[in-house]
Amino acid sequence: MEHLLSLKYIWASIVYSFIGIIILVLSFWIIEKITPENLYKEILENKNVALAIILSAFMLAIAIIIASAIHG
Protein backbone atom coordinates (compact mmCIF):
# COMPACT_ATOMS: atom_id res chain seq x y z
CA MET A 1 0.00 0.00 0.00
CA GLU A 2 2.80 2.42 0.83
CA HIS A 3 4.45 1.66 -2.50
CA LEU A 4 1.31 2.73 -4.33
CA LEU A 5 1.11 6.00 -2.39
CA SER A 6 4.74 6.77 -3.16
CA LEU A 7 4.15 6.33 -6.87
CA LYS A 8 1.17 8.66 -6.69
CA TYR A 9 3.31 11.41 -5.19
CA ILE A 10 6.11 10.83 -7.68
CA TRP A 11 3.73 11.10 -10.63
CA ALA A 12 2.16 14.23 -9.14
CA SER A 13 5.60 15.80 -8.80
CA ILE A 14 6.46 14.97 -12.41
CA VAL A 15 3.17 16.35 -13.73
CA TYR A 16 3.45 19.55 -11.70
CA SER A 17 7.06 19.97 -12.82
CA PHE A 18 6.05 19.77 -16.47
CA ILE A 19 3.18 22.19 -15.90
CA GLY A 20 5.59 24.60 -14.20
CA ILE A 21 8.08 24.37 -17.05
CA ILE A 22 5.35 25.00 -19.61
CA ILE A 23 4.13 28.06 -17.70
CA LEU A 24 7.70 29.35 -17.40
CA VAL A 25 8.36 28.99 -21.13
CA LEU A 26 4.99 30.52 -21.96
CA SER A 27 5.64 33.53 -19.75
CA PHE A 28 9.08 34.03 -21.36
CA TRP A 29 7.44 33.85 -24.80
CA ILE A 30 4.90 36.50 -23.78
CA ILE A 31 7.65 38.81 -22.52
CA GLU A 32 9.55 38.21 -25.79
CA LYS A 33 6.49 39.30 -27.79
CA ILE A 34 5.76 42.35 -25.62
CA THR A 35 9.25 43.87 -25.79
CA PRO A 36 10.18 45.86 -28.89
CA GLU A 37 13.56 44.15 -29.45
CA ASN A 38 14.33 40.49 -30.03
CA LEU A 39 15.66 39.54 -26.60
CA TYR A 40 17.38 36.36 -27.74
CA LYS A 41 19.26 38.21 -30.48
CA GLU A 42 20.08 41.12 -28.18
CA ILE A 43 21.63 38.85 -25.55
CA LEU A 44 23.56 36.51 -27.85
CA GLU A 45 24.68 38.76 -30.70
CA ASN A 46 24.99 42.13 -28.97
CA LYS A 47 26.24 40.64 -25.66
CA ASN A 48 23.84 42.69 -23.57
CA VAL A 49 24.72 41.52 -20.05
CA ALA A 50 22.24 43.83 -18.31
CA LEU A 51 19.35 42.38 -20.29
CA ALA A 52 20.54 38.85 -19.55
CA ILE A 53 20.59 39.61 -15.82
CA ILE A 54 17.10 41.12 -15.93
CA LEU A 55 15.70 38.14 -17.85
CA SER A 56 17.34 35.67 -15.49
CA ALA A 57 15.83 37.51 -12.52
CA PHE A 58 12.44 37.39 -14.26
CA MET A 59 12.76 33.65 -14.89
CA LEU A 60 13.80 33.06 -11.28
CA ALA A 61 10.87 35.10 -9.96
CA ILE A 62 8.36 33.24 -12.13
CA ALA A 63 9.90 29.92 -11.05
CA ILE A 64 9.52 30.87 -7.37
CA ILE A 65 5.89 31.86 -7.93
CA ILE A 66 5.16 28.58 -9.74
CA ALA A 67 6.92 26.53 -7.05
CA SER A 68 4.99 28.22 -4.25
CA ALA A 69 1.71 27.75 -6.13
CA ILE A 70 2.42 24.05 -6.60
CA HIS A 71 3.67 23.54 -3.05
CA GLY A 72 0.61 25.16 -1.54
PDB file of N, CA and C in Angstrom:
ATOM      1  N   MET A   1       0.824  -1.195   0.000  1.00  0.00           N
ATOM      2  CA  MET A   1       0.000   0.000   0.000  1.00  0.00           C
ATOM      3  C   MET A   1       0.865   1.256   0.000  1.00  0.00           C
ATOM      4  N   GLU A   2       1.938   1.252   0.786  1.00  0.00           N
ATOM      5  CA  GLU A   2       2.804   2.425   0.829  1.00  0.00           C
ATOM      6  C   GLU A   2       3.496   2.640  -0.512  1.00  0.00           C
ATOM      7  N   HIS A   3       3.796   1.548  -1.200  1.00  0.00           N
ATOM      8  CA  HIS A   3       4.445   1.656  -2.500  1.00  0.00           C
ATOM      9  C   HIS A   3       3.542   2.378  -3.489  1.00  0.00           C
ATOM     10  N   LEU A   4       2.272   2.105  -3.442  1.00  0.00           N
ATOM     11  CA  LEU A   4       1.308   2.734  -4.332  1.00  0.00           C
ATOM     12  C   LEU A   4       1.180   4.227  -4.031  1.00  0.00           C
ATOM     13  N   LEU A   5       1.194   4.593  -2.753  1.00  0.00           N
ATOM     14  CA  LEU A   5       1.115   6.002  -2.390  1.00  0.00           C
ATOM     15  C   LEU A   5       2.362   6.751  -2.827  1.00  0.00           C
ATOM     16  N   SER A   6       3.500   6.130  -2.740  1.00  0.00           N
ATOM     17  CA  SER A   6       4.736   6.774  -3.156  1.00  0.00           C
ATOM     18  C   SER A   6       4.717   7.058  -4.654  1.00  0.00           C
ATOM     19  N   LEU A   7       4.229   6.114  -5.442  1.00  0.00           N
ATOM     20  CA  LEU A   7       4.151   6.325  -6.875  1.00  0.00           C
ATOM     21  C   LEU A   7       3.193   7.465  -7.220  1.00  0.00           C
ATOM     22  N   LYS A   8       2.129   7.577  -6.462  1.00  0.00           N
ATOM     23  CA  LYS A   8       1.173   8.658  -6.690  1.00  0.00           C
ATOM     24  C   LYS A   8       1.842  10.018  -6.494  1.00  0.00           C
ATOM     25  N   TYR A   9       2.635  10.148  -5.453  1.00  0.00           N
ATOM     26  CA  TYR A   9       3.312  11.408  -5.187  1.00  0.00           C
ATOM     27  C   TYR A   9       4.410  11.684  -6.205  1.00  0.00           C
ATOM     28  N   ILE A  10       5.081  10.655  -6.658  1.00  0.00           N
ATOM     29  CA  ILE A  10       6.113  10.828  -7.677  1.00  0.00           C
ATOM     30  C   ILE A  10       5.498  11.304  -8.977  1.00  0.00           C
ATOM     31  N   TRP A  11       4.401  10.683  -9.401  1.00  0.00           N
ATOM     32  CA  TRP A  11       3.733  11.103 -10.633  1.00  0.00           C
ATOM     33  C   TRP A  11       3.189  12.511 -10.510  1.00  0.00           C
ATOM     34  N   ALA A  12       2.665  12.869  -9.353  1.00  0.00           N
ATOM     35  CA  ALA A  12       2.164  14.229  -9.142  1.00  0.00           C
ATOM     36  C   ALA A  12       3.298  15.242  -9.251  1.00  0.00           C
ATOM     37  N   SER A  13       4.445  14.911  -8.706  1.00  0.00           N
ATOM     38  CA  SER A  13       5.603  15.804  -8.799  1.00  0.00           C
ATOM     39  C   SER A  13       6.048  15.975 -10.239  1.00  0.00           C
ATOM     40  N   ILE A  14       6.055  14.899 -11.004  1.00  0.00           N
ATOM     41  CA  ILE A  14       6.460  14.972 -12.408  1.00  0.00           C
ATOM     42  C   ILE A  14       5.481  15.811 -13.209  1.00  0.00           C
ATOM     43  N   VAL A  15       4.189  15.593 -13.002  1.00  0.00           N
ATOM     44  CA  VAL A  15       3.168  16.352 -13.735  1.00  0.00           C
ATOM     45  C   VAL A  15       3.252  17.834 -13.387  1.00  0.00           C
ATOM     46  N   TYR A  16       3.356  18.147 -12.102  1.00  0.00           N
ATOM     47  CA  TYR A  16       3.454  19.547 -11.704  1.00  0.00           C
ATOM     48  C   TYR A  16       4.741  20.188 -12.212  1.00  0.00           C
ATOM     49  N   SER A  17       5.811  19.434 -12.282  1.00  0.00           N
ATOM     50  CA  SER A  17       7.060  19.970 -12.821  1.00  0.00           C
ATOM     51  C   SER A  17       6.899  20.349 -14.287  1.00  0.00           C
ATOM     52  N   PHE A  18       6.274  19.465 -15.065  1.00  0.00           N
ATOM     53  CA  PHE A  18       6.054  19.773 -16.474  1.00  0.00           C
ATOM     54  C   PHE A  18       5.111  20.958 -16.653  1.00  0.00           C
ATOM     55  N   ILE A  19       4.094  21.045 -15.841  1.00  0.00           N
ATOM     56  CA  ILE A  19       3.183  22.187 -15.902  1.00  0.00           C
ATOM     57  C   ILE A  19       3.938  23.478 -15.573  1.00  0.00           C
ATOM     58  N   GLY A  20       4.785  23.434 -14.564  1.00  0.00           N
ATOM     59  CA  GLY A  20       5.586  24.596 -14.196  1.00  0.00           C
ATOM     60  C   GLY A  20       6.531  25.021 -15.304  1.00  0.00           C
ATOM     61  N   ILE A  21       7.176  24.058 -15.955  1.00  0.00           N
ATOM     62  CA  ILE A  21       8.085  24.370 -17.054  1.00  0.00           C
ATOM     63  C   ILE A  21       7.323  24.981 -18.219  1.00  0.00           C
ATOM     64  N   ILE A  22       6.161  24.455 -18.523  1.00  0.00           N
ATOM     65  CA  ILE A  22       5.348  25.000 -19.615  1.00  0.00           C
ATOM     66  C   ILE A  22       4.927  26.432 -19.304  1.00  0.00           C
ATOM     67  N   ILE A  23       4.520  26.700 -18.086  1.00  0.00           N
ATOM     68  CA  ILE A  23       4.130  28.057 -17.702  1.00  0.00           C
ATOM     69  C   ILE A  23       5.326  29.003 -17.766  1.00  0.00           C
ATOM     70  N   LEU A  24       6.499  28.527 -17.353  1.00  0.00           N
ATOM     71  CA  LEU A  24       7.701  29.348 -17.397  1.00  0.00           C
ATOM     72  C   LEU A  24       8.076  29.708 -18.835  1.00  0.00           C
ATOM     73  N   VAL A  25       8.041  28.732 -19.726  1.00  0.00           N
ATOM     74  CA  VAL A  25       8.363  28.990 -21.135  1.00  0.00           C
ATOM     75  C   VAL A  25       7.314  29.901 -21.759  1.00  0.00           C
ATOM     76  N   LEU A  26       6.059  29.680 -21.438  1.00  0.00           N
ATOM     77  CA  LEU A  26       4.989  30.521 -21.965  1.00  0.00           C
ATOM     78  C   LEU A  26       5.137  31.967 -21.498  1.00  0.00           C
ATOM     79  N   SER A  27       5.464  32.164 -20.243  1.00  0.00           N
ATOM     80  CA  SER A  27       5.637  33.530 -19.748  1.00  0.00           C
ATOM     81  C   SER A  27       6.848  34.204 -20.396  1.00  0.00           C
ATOM     82  N   PHE A  28       7.930  33.462 -20.651  1.00  0.00           N
ATOM     83  CA  PHE A  28       9.080  34.033 -21.363  1.00  0.00           C
ATOM     84  C   PHE A  28       8.683  34.402 -22.784  1.00  0.00           C
ATOM     85  N   TRP A  29       7.893  33.572 -23.446  1.00  0.00           N
ATOM     86  CA  TRP A  29       7.443  33.855 -24.802  1.00  0.00           C
ATOM     87  C   TRP A  29       6.592  35.122 -24.839  1.00  0.00           C
ATOM     88  N   ILE A  30       5.736  35.301 -23.840  1.00  0.00           N
ATOM     89  CA  ILE A  30       4.896  36.498 -23.780  1.00  0.00           C
ATOM     90  C   ILE A  30       5.765  37.743 -23.597  1.00  0.00           C
ATOM     91  N   ILE A  31       6.747  37.679 -22.716  1.00  0.00           N
ATOM     92  CA  ILE A  31       7.651  38.814 -22.525  1.00  0.00           C
ATOM     93  C   ILE A  31       8.425  39.094 -23.807  1.00  0.00           C
ATOM     94  N   GLU A  32       8.833  38.055 -24.510  1.00  0.00           N
ATOM     95  CA  GLU A  32       9.549  38.210 -25.786  1.00  0.00           C
ATOM     96  C   GLU A  32       8.679  38.952 -26.803  1.00  0.00           C
ATOM     97  N   LYS A  33       7.391  38.646 -26.843  1.00  0.00           N
ATOM     98  CA  LYS A  33       6.488  39.297 -27.786  1.00  0.00           C
ATOM     99  C   LYS A  33       6.140  40.731 -27.383  1.00  0.00           C
ATOM    100  N   ILE A  34       6.118  41.019 -26.095  1.00  0.00           N
ATOM    101  CA  ILE A  34       5.759  42.347 -25.616  1.00  0.00           C
ATOM    102  C   ILE A  34       6.886  43.351 -25.861  1.00  0.00           C
ATOM    103  N   THR A  35       8.121  42.941 -25.662  1.00  0.00           N
ATOM    104  CA  THR A  35       9.246  43.866 -25.790  1.00  0.00           C
ATOM    105  C   THR A  35       9.502  44.221 -27.251  1.00  0.00           C
ATOM    106  N   PRO A  36       9.984  45.431 -27.500  1.00  0.00           N
ATOM    107  CA  PRO A  36      10.185  45.857 -28.889  1.00  0.00           C
ATOM    108  C   PRO A  36      11.364  45.178 -29.589  1.00  0.00           C
ATOM    109  N   GLU A  37      12.385  44.788 -28.861  1.00  0.00           N
ATOM    110  CA  GLU A  37      13.560  44.149 -29.447  1.00  0.00           C
ATOM    111  C   GLU A  37      13.466  42.632 -29.313  1.00  0.00           C
ATOM    112  N   ASN A  38      14.211  41.938 -30.149  1.00  0.00           N
ATOM    113  CA  ASN A  38      14.326  40.490 -30.027  1.00  0.00           C
ATOM    114  C   ASN A  38      15.314  40.197 -28.901  1.00  0.00           C
ATOM    115  N   LEU A  39      14.814  39.719 -27.777  1.00  0.00           N
ATOM    116  CA  LEU A  39      15.659  39.539 -26.598  1.00  0.00           C
ATOM    117  C   LEU A  39      16.753  38.505 -26.822  1.00  0.00           C
ATOM    118  N   TYR A  40      16.412  37.428 -27.487  1.00  0.00           N
ATOM    119  CA  TYR A  40      17.383  36.365 -27.739  1.00  0.00           C
ATOM    120  C   TYR A  40      18.553  36.898 -28.571  1.00  0.00           C
ATOM    121  N   LYS A  41      18.233  37.636 -29.605  1.00  0.00           N
ATOM    122  CA  LYS A  41      19.256  38.213 -30.477  1.00  0.00           C
ATOM    123  C   LYS A  41      20.068  39.263 -29.717  1.00  0.00           C
ATOM    124  N   GLU A  42      19.408  40.059 -28.934  1.00  0.00           N
ATOM    125  CA  GLU A  42      20.076  41.117 -28.177  1.00  0.00           C
ATOM    126  C   GLU A  42      21.081  40.549 -27.182  1.00  0.00           C
ATOM    127  N   ILE A  43      20.742  39.453 -26.547  1.00  0.00           N
ATOM    128  CA  ILE A  43      21.632  38.855 -25.554  1.00  0.00           C
ATOM    129  C   ILE A  43      22.792  38.129 -26.232  1.00  0.00           C
ATOM    130  N   LEU A  44      22.510  37.324 -27.247  1.00  0.00           N
ATOM    131  CA  LEU A  44      23.563  36.508 -27.851  1.00  0.00           C
ATOM    132  C   LEU A  44      24.453  37.273 -28.823  1.00  0.00           C
ATOM    133  N   GLU A  45      23.871  38.076 -29.690  1.00  0.00           N
ATOM    134  CA  GLU A  45      24.676  38.757 -30.701  1.00  0.00           C
ATOM    135  C   GLU A  45      25.278  40.062 -30.189  1.00  0.00           C
ATOM    136  N   ASN A  46      24.506  40.833 -29.441  1.00  0.00           N
ATOM    137  CA  ASN A  46      24.992  42.126 -28.967  1.00  0.00           C
ATOM    138  C   ASN A  46      25.635  42.047 -27.583  1.00  0.00           C
ATOM    139  N   LYS A  47      25.613  40.878 -26.982  1.00  0.00           N
ATOM    140  CA  LYS A  47      26.239  40.636 -25.662  1.00  0.00           C
ATOM    141  C   LYS A  47      25.739  41.615 -24.594  1.00  0.00           C
ATOM    142  N   ASN A  48      24.440  41.787 -24.531  1.00  0.00           N
ATOM    143  CA  ASN A  48      23.836  42.693 -23.566  1.00  0.00           C
ATOM    144  C   ASN A  48      23.705  41.971 -22.219  1.00  0.00           C
ATOM    145  N   VAL A  49      24.675  42.213 -21.342  1.00  0.00           N
ATOM    146  CA  VAL A  49      24.720  41.524 -20.051  1.00  0.00           C
ATOM    147  C   VAL A  49      23.598  42.004 -19.133  1.00  0.00           C
ATOM    148  N   ALA A  50      23.298  43.284 -19.167  1.00  0.00           N
ATOM    149  CA  ALA A  50      22.242  43.826 -18.308  1.00  0.00           C
ATOM    150  C   ALA A  50      20.891  43.176 -18.624  1.00  0.00           C
ATOM    151  N   LEU A  51      20.601  43.022 -19.896  1.00  0.00           N
ATOM    152  CA  LEU A  51      19.346  42.384 -20.292  1.00  0.00           C
ATOM    153  C   LEU A  51      19.322  40.915 -19.877  1.00  0.00           C
ATOM    154  N   ALA A  52      20.460  40.252 -19.979  1.00  0.00           N
ATOM    155  CA  ALA A  52      20.539  38.851 -19.555  1.00  0.00           C
ATOM    156  C   ALA A  52      20.294  38.718 -18.056  1.00  0.00           C
ATOM    157  N   ILE A  53      20.807  39.644 -17.274  1.00  0.00           N
ATOM    158  CA  ILE A  53      20.594  39.613 -15.822  1.00  0.00           C
ATOM    159  C   ILE A  53      19.127  39.867 -15.493  1.00  0.00           C
ATOM    160  N   ILE A  54      18.512  40.824 -16.172  1.00  0.00           N
ATOM    161  CA  ILE A  54      17.096  41.124 -15.925  1.00  0.00           C
ATOM    162  C   ILE A  54      16.217  39.930 -16.302  1.00  0.00           C
ATOM    163  N   LEU A  55      16.493  39.304 -17.444  1.00  0.00           N
ATOM    164  CA  LEU A  55      15.700  38.144 -17.849  1.00  0.00           C
ATOM    165  C   LEU A  55      15.907  36.956 -16.921  1.00  0.00           C
ATOM    166  N   SER A  56      17.122  36.773 -16.431  1.00  0.00           N
ATOM    167  CA  SER A  56      17.345  35.671 -15.492  1.00  0.00           C
ATOM    168  C   SER A  56      16.616  35.925 -14.174  1.00  0.00           C
ATOM    169  N   ALA A  57      16.585  37.181 -13.735  1.00  0.00           N
ATOM    170  CA  ALA A  57      15.828  37.512 -12.523  1.00  0.00           C
ATOM    171  C   ALA A  57      14.326  37.284 -12.736  1.00  0.00           C
ATOM    172  N   PHE A  58      13.839  37.635 -13.925  1.00  0.00           N
ATOM    173  CA  PHE A  58      12.436  37.392 -14.260  1.00  0.00           C
ATOM    174  C   PHE A  58      12.120  35.895 -14.229  1.00  0.00           C
ATOM    175  N   MET A  59      12.982  35.096 -14.849  1.00  0.00           N
ATOM    176  CA  MET A  59      12.759  33.649 -14.886  1.00  0.00           C
ATOM    177  C   MET A  59      12.792  33.059 -13.468  1.00  0.00           C
ATOM    178  N   LEU A  60      13.722  33.540 -12.651  1.00  0.00           N
ATOM    179  CA  LEU A  60      13.802  33.059 -11.276  1.00  0.00           C
ATOM    180  C   LEU A  60      12.555  33.444 -10.480  1.00  0.00           C
ATOM    181  N   ALA A  61      12.072  34.667 -10.674  1.00  0.00           N
ATOM    182  CA  ALA A  61      10.866  35.105  -9.963  1.00  0.00           C
ATOM    183  C   ALA A  61       9.652  34.289 -10.376  1.00  0.00           C
ATOM    184  N   ILE A  62       9.488  34.050 -11.666  1.00  0.00           N
ATOM    185  CA  ILE A  62       8.362  33.236 -12.135  1.00  0.00           C
ATOM    186  C   ILE A  62       8.484  31.811 -11.605  1.00  0.00           C
ATOM    187  N   ALA A  63       9.701  31.275 -11.575  1.00  0.00           N
ATOM    188  CA  ALA A  63       9.903  29.918 -11.045  1.00  0.00           C
ATOM    189  C   ALA A  63       9.541  29.837  -9.568  1.00  0.00           C
ATOM    190  N   ILE A  64       9.878  30.856  -8.802  1.00  0.00           N
ATOM    191  CA  ILE A  64       9.523  30.869  -7.372  1.00  0.00           C
ATOM    192  C   ILE A  64       8.005  30.941  -7.200  1.00  0.00           C
ATOM    193  N   ILE A  65       7.355  31.751  -7.998  1.00  0.00           N
ATOM    194  CA  ILE A  65       5.892  31.857  -7.929  1.00  0.00           C
ATOM    195  C   ILE A  65       5.232  30.519  -8.291  1.00  0.00           C
ATOM    196  N   ILE A  66       5.719  29.870  -9.342  1.00  0.00           N
ATOM    197  CA  ILE A  66       5.164  28.582  -9.743  1.00  0.00           C
ATOM    198  C   ILE A  66       5.385  27.532  -8.664  1.00  0.00           C
ATOM    199  N   ALA A  67       6.591  27.518  -8.101  1.00  0.00           N
ATOM    200  CA  ALA A  67       6.919  26.531  -7.053  1.00  0.00           C
ATOM    201  C   ALA A  67       6.046  26.746  -5.819  1.00  0.00           C
ATOM    202  N   SER A  68       5.831  27.985  -5.431  1.00  0.00           N
ATOM    203  CA  SER A  68       4.994  28.219  -4.251  1.00  0.00           C
ATOM    204  C   SER A  68       3.529  27.900  -4.541  1.00  0.00           C
ATOM    205  N   ALA A  69       3.092  28.100  -5.775  1.00  0.00           N
ATOM    206  CA  ALA A  69       1.714  27.745  -6.131  1.00  0.00           C
ATOM    207  C   ALA A  69       1.517  26.236  -6.120  1.00  0.00           C
ATOM    208  N   ILE A  70       2.511  25.508  -6.580  1.00  0.00           N
ATOM    209  CA  ILE A  70       2.417  24.052  -6.600  1.00  0.00           C
ATOM    210  C   ILE A  70       2.539  23.485  -5.192  1.00  0.00           C
ATOM    211  N   HIS A  71       3.431  24.054  -4.409  1.00  0.00           N
ATOM    212  CA  HIS A  71       3.667  23.540  -3.052  1.00  0.00           C
ATOM    213  C   HIS A  71       2.458  23.777  -2.162  1.00  0.00           C
ATOM    214  N   GLY A  72       1.814  24.901  -2.325  1.00  0.00           N
ATOM    215  CA  GLY A  72       0.613  25.165  -1.538  1.00  0.00           C
ATOM    216  C   GLY A  72       0.816  26.135  -0.518  1.00  0.00           C
TER     217      GLY A  72
END
